[in-house]
Amino acid sequence: MNVCGHSCTDCDHHGNECRGCRPTAGKPFWTTLMGADACPIYACCAVDRNLPHCGKCPELMCERFHRFRDPSMTDEQVAESLAGVGRTLRAMR
């Protein structure tokens, strides 16, 4: 489980062109595609705040979770997905 609550093993890219956030220090394959130096969620949580995951953060479900979204998903699907991630992270507290 990543700091953001997503599981790398559920991703089609894991093991192929991506090893995941923790092994790449927050620089998975998609950061270069998005023009980012690192995942902003990972950078905030693991680097800036030194937390094991976002479930320990008092600002959980901050704007960083809304920054990158799958364009094929509707607003309702995004909201449902983020709500599930939030529940997972809160349960990890």
Protein backbone atom coordinates (compact mmCIF):
# COMPACT_ATOMS: atom_id res chain seq x y z
CA MET A 1 0.00 0.00 0.00
CA ASN A 2 1.30 3.41 -0.95
CA VAL A 3 1.21 6.50 1.24
CA CYS A 4 -1.83 7.65 -0.77
CA GLY A 5 -3.84 4.48 -0.15
CA HIS A 6 -3.58 3.10 -3.68
CA SER A 7 -2.15 -0.34 -4.28
CA CYS A 8 0.59 -0.56 -6.89
CA THR A 9 -0.15 -4.21 -7.53
CA ASP A 10 -3.60 -3.23 -8.85
CA CYS A 11 -1.98 -1.13 -11.59
CA ASP A 12 -1.34 -2.55 -15.06
CA HIS A 13 2.01 -0.72 -15.16
CA HIS A 14 3.38 -2.23 -11.94
CA GLY A 15 6.29 -4.55 -12.58
CA ASN A 16 6.59 -3.43 -16.18
CA GLU A 17 7.52 0.21 -16.53
CA CYS A 18 6.91 1.05 -12.88
CA ARG A 19 8.14 -0.33 -9.56
CA GLY A 20 5.80 1.84 -7.47
CA CYS A 21 6.11 4.90 -5.27
CA ARG A 22 8.12 3.58 -2.38
CA PRO A 23 10.89 1.94 -4.47
CA THR A 24 11.12 5.01 -6.72
CA ALA A 25 10.95 7.54 -3.85
CA GLY A 26 7.71 9.03 -5.16
CA LYS A 27 8.75 9.09 -8.80
CA PRO A 28 6.60 6.46 -10.54
CA PHE A 29 6.48 6.33 -14.33
CA TRP A 30 3.53 8.70 -14.65
CA THR A 31 5.27 11.70 -13.07
CA THR A 32 7.29 12.33 -16.22
CA LEU A 33 4.11 12.03 -18.31
CA MET A 34 2.41 14.64 -16.11
CA GLY A 35 5.42 16.97 -16.04
CA ALA A 36 5.98 16.50 -12.31
CA ASP A 37 9.29 15.89 -10.55
CA ALA A 38 7.58 13.58 -8.06
CA CYS A 39 4.12 12.59 -6.93
CA PRO A 40 2.83 15.56 -4.89
CA ILE A 41 1.03 13.27 -2.44
CA TYR A 42 4.14 11.19 -1.80
CA ALA A 43 6.33 14.30 -1.50
CA CYS A 44 4.01 15.89 1.06
CA CYS A 45 3.39 12.76 3.11
CA ALA A 46 6.66 10.83 3.07
CA VAL A 47 9.18 13.62 2.52
CA ASP A 48 7.75 16.84 3.98
CA ARG A 49 5.70 15.39 6.85
CA ASN A 50 7.64 12.15 7.37
CA LEU A 51 4.42 10.14 7.76
CA PRO A 52 4.03 6.45 6.91
CA HIS A 53 0.79 7.18 5.00
CA CYS A 54 -1.79 9.92 4.52
CA GLY A 55 -4.13 8.32 7.07
CA LYS A 56 -1.91 9.90 9.73
CA CYS A 57 -2.35 13.39 8.27
CA PRO A 58 -4.87 15.78 9.84
CA GLU A 59 -5.53 17.25 6.38
CA LEU A 60 -6.58 13.93 4.83
CA MET A 61 -8.28 14.27 1.57
CA CYS A 62 -6.44 17.47 0.73
CA GLU A 63 -6.33 19.09 -2.69
CA ARG A 64 -3.39 16.92 -3.77
CA PHE A 65 -5.77 13.99 -4.18
CA HIS A 66 -7.80 15.99 -6.70
CA ARG A 67 -4.85 17.26 -8.75
CA PHE A 68 -4.44 14.29 -11.10
CA ARG A 69 -7.49 12.40 -12.24
CA ASP A 70 -8.31 9.80 -14.82
CA PRO A 71 -9.97 11.70 -17.69
CA SER A 72 -12.06 8.64 -18.55
CA MET A 73 -13.82 8.81 -15.17
CA THR A 74 -16.94 10.87 -14.48
CA ASP A 75 -17.05 13.30 -11.56
CA GLU A 76 -19.19 10.77 -9.69
CA GLN A 77 -16.69 7.97 -10.29
CA VAL A 78 -13.82 10.16 -9.11
CA ALA A 79 -15.75 11.12 -5.96
CA GLU A 80 -16.58 7.47 -5.25
CA SER A 81 -12.98 6.39 -5.79
CA LEU A 82 -11.60 9.13 -3.53
CA ALA A 83 -14.16 8.32 -0.83
CA GLY A 84 -12.96 4.69 -0.89
CA VAL A 85 -9.33 5.77 -0.65
CA GLY A 86 -10.20 8.03 2.26
CA ARG A 87 -11.93 5.16 4.10
CA THR A 88 -8.93 2.90 3.52
CA LEU A 89 -6.47 5.48 4.80
CA ARG A 90 -8.56 6.36 7.87
CA ALA A 91 -8.76 2.66 8.74
CA MET A 92 -4.94 2.51 8.68
CA ARG A 93 -4.66 5.09 11.46
